[in-house]
Amino acid sequence: MAYGDVGGIVTELIITCRTPASGAVAIAKGDALKLTGAYTVINATSAEDPIIGQAMAGTDANNTAIPVKVRGVCIFAYTGTAPTVNGAQGIVASATAGSVKAPASGNGHGVNLKVDTAASKVHVLL
């Protein structure tokens, strides 16, 4: 995008994490992920869990490398009430694997930039 276009230049930080050594893994590209150990991520979340980033690839294998976007604009599926766009609030995990929601209290993680209510998607700057 040229200078001045909506959204501007996009810069991202992607790190390599791993899936858990055991247990069920069903991560889809684009899923919201939580940290469960040293560089270990999973999309199975409980409501209000903090989100570390977004899966850049899908996998169903244990103890395998997975790229995770931890900084930049992520587009997550959300559940429940649409997250607020006000320059302060972000998101937290929902009880639906790979999805996020508006925090019950506090600001959550990141900053919401846009909400697409028709598609139930929220654009978040992590």
Protein backbone atom coordinates (compact mmCIF):
# COMPACT_ATOMS: atom_id res chain seq x y z
CA MET A 1 0.00 0.00 0.00
CA ALA A 2 1.11 3.52 -0.68
CA TYR A 3 1.56 6.01 2.13
CA GLY A 4 -1.82 7.31 3.21
CA ASP A 5 -3.89 4.26 2.22
CA VAL A 6 -6.15 2.85 4.92
CA GLY A 7 -4.21 0.21 6.83
CA GLY A 8 -0.83 1.46 5.62
CA ILE A 9 2.27 -0.70 5.57
CA VAL A 10 1.99 -4.02 7.39
CA THR A 11 4.85 -5.29 9.55
CA GLU A 12 4.67 -8.64 11.32
CA LEU A 13 6.69 -10.69 13.78
CA ILE A 14 6.36 -14.44 13.40
CA ILE A 15 8.04 -16.88 15.77
CA THR A 16 8.33 -20.66 15.66
CA CYS A 17 6.50 -22.47 18.44
CA ARG A 18 5.60 -26.11 19.04
CA THR A 19 2.42 -28.04 19.63
CA PRO A 20 2.09 -30.06 22.87
CA ALA A 21 4.03 -33.35 23.10
CA SER A 22 0.82 -35.27 23.81
CA GLY A 23 -2.94 -34.87 23.66
CA ALA A 24 -5.32 -33.79 20.94
CA VAL A 25 -4.13 -31.13 18.49
CA ALA A 26 -6.41 -29.61 15.84
CA ILE A 27 -5.01 -26.19 14.96
CA ALA A 28 -6.30 -24.47 11.81
CA LYS A 29 -4.56 -21.64 10.00
CA GLY A 30 -5.84 -18.38 11.51
CA ASP A 31 -6.72 -19.82 14.92
CA ALA A 32 -6.09 -17.80 18.06
CA LEU A 33 -3.47 -19.56 20.20
CA LYS A 34 -2.57 -19.58 23.87
CA LEU A 35 0.79 -20.38 25.41
CA THR A 36 0.81 -23.57 27.51
CA GLY A 37 4.56 -23.90 28.18
CA ALA A 38 7.94 -22.82 26.81
CA TYR A 39 7.16 -21.90 23.18
CA THR A 40 4.28 -24.40 23.30
CA VAL A 41 0.90 -23.31 21.92
CA ILE A 42 -2.59 -24.72 21.51
CA ASN A 43 -5.95 -23.43 20.28
CA ALA A 44 -8.01 -25.24 22.96
CA THR A 45 -8.87 -22.33 25.21
CA SER A 46 -11.09 -21.44 28.11
CA ALA A 47 -12.95 -18.16 28.20
CA GLU A 48 -10.72 -15.23 29.19
CA ASP A 49 -7.40 -17.04 28.51
CA PRO A 50 -4.76 -14.63 27.17
CA ILE A 51 -3.95 -14.96 23.47
CA ILE A 52 -0.30 -15.03 22.38
CA GLY A 53 -0.89 -14.91 18.64
CA GLN A 54 -2.35 -16.42 15.48
CA ALA A 55 -1.53 -19.72 13.78
CA MET A 56 0.04 -19.11 10.38
CA ALA A 57 -0.39 -22.79 9.43
CA GLY A 58 -2.56 -25.67 10.54
CA THR A 59 -1.51 -28.95 12.12
CA ASP A 60 -2.91 -31.95 13.94
CA ALA A 61 0.47 -33.38 14.97
CA ASN A 62 2.01 -33.43 18.43
CA ASN A 63 5.42 -31.88 19.13
CA THR A 64 5.68 -30.21 15.75
CA ALA A 65 6.84 -26.71 14.79
CA ILE A 66 4.20 -24.12 13.93
CA PRO A 67 4.66 -20.48 12.85
CA VAL A 68 2.81 -18.01 15.11
CA LYS A 69 2.21 -14.32 14.37
CA VAL A 70 2.79 -12.54 17.69
CA ARG A 71 2.96 -8.94 16.41
CA GLY A 72 1.04 -7.33 13.59
CA VAL A 73 -2.59 -7.24 12.48
CA CYS A 74 -4.44 -10.53 13.04
CA ILE A 75 -7.97 -11.27 11.87
CA PHE A 76 -9.71 -13.58 14.33
CA ALA A 77 -13.16 -15.15 14.41
CA TYR A 78 -15.03 -13.93 17.47
CA THR A 79 -17.94 -15.27 19.49
CA GLY A 80 -20.56 -13.44 21.53
CA THR A 81 -20.93 -9.67 21.58
CA ALA A 82 -18.87 -7.80 18.99
CA PRO A 83 -15.58 -6.50 20.43
CA THR A 84 -15.34 -2.73 20.93
CA VAL A 85 -13.18 -0.51 18.71
CA ASN A 86 -12.07 2.41 20.89
CA GLY A 87 -8.27 2.47 20.78
CA ALA A 88 -7.91 0.75 24.15
CA GLN A 89 -9.69 -2.61 24.10
CA GLY A 90 -8.45 -5.85 22.65
CA ILE A 91 -9.50 -9.49 22.88
CA VAL A 92 -9.24 -12.61 25.04
CA ALA A 93 -9.86 -16.26 24.24
CA SER A 94 -13.39 -17.56 24.00
CA ALA A 95 -14.46 -21.05 25.06
CA THR A 96 -14.65 -21.96 21.35
CA ALA A 97 -11.30 -23.35 20.14
CA GLY A 98 -9.38 -20.88 17.98
CA SER A 99 -11.82 -17.99 18.53
CA VAL A 100 -11.68 -14.83 20.60
CA LYS A 101 -14.19 -12.61 22.39
CA ALA A 102 -14.50 -9.24 24.05
CA PRO A 103 -13.07 -9.34 27.59
CA ALA A 104 -15.58 -9.52 30.46
CA SER A 105 -13.45 -6.96 32.30
CA GLY A 106 -10.26 -5.07 31.55
CA ASN A 107 -8.91 -4.35 28.10
CA GLY A 108 -7.70 -7.77 26.96
CA HIS A 109 -4.73 -8.18 24.63
CA GLY A 110 -3.94 -5.99 21.63
CA VAL A 111 -6.00 -3.17 20.16
CA ASN A 112 -9.12 -3.80 18.09
CA LEU A 113 -8.92 -1.95 14.77
CA LYS A 114 -12.08 -3.12 13.00
CA VAL A 115 -15.06 -5.40 13.58
CA ASP A 116 -16.84 -7.14 10.70
CA THR A 117 -20.12 -8.17 12.35
CA ALA A 118 -21.44 -9.83 9.18
CA ALA A 119 -18.49 -12.27 9.15
CA SER A 120 -17.96 -12.33 12.96
CA LYS A 121 -14.31 -11.25 12.49
CA VAL A 122 -12.24 -8.77 14.44
CA HIS A 123 -9.00 -7.14 13.23
CA VAL A 124 -6.58 -6.86 16.15
CA LEU A 125 -3.19 -5.18 16.36
CA LEU A 126 -1.10 -7.42 18.62
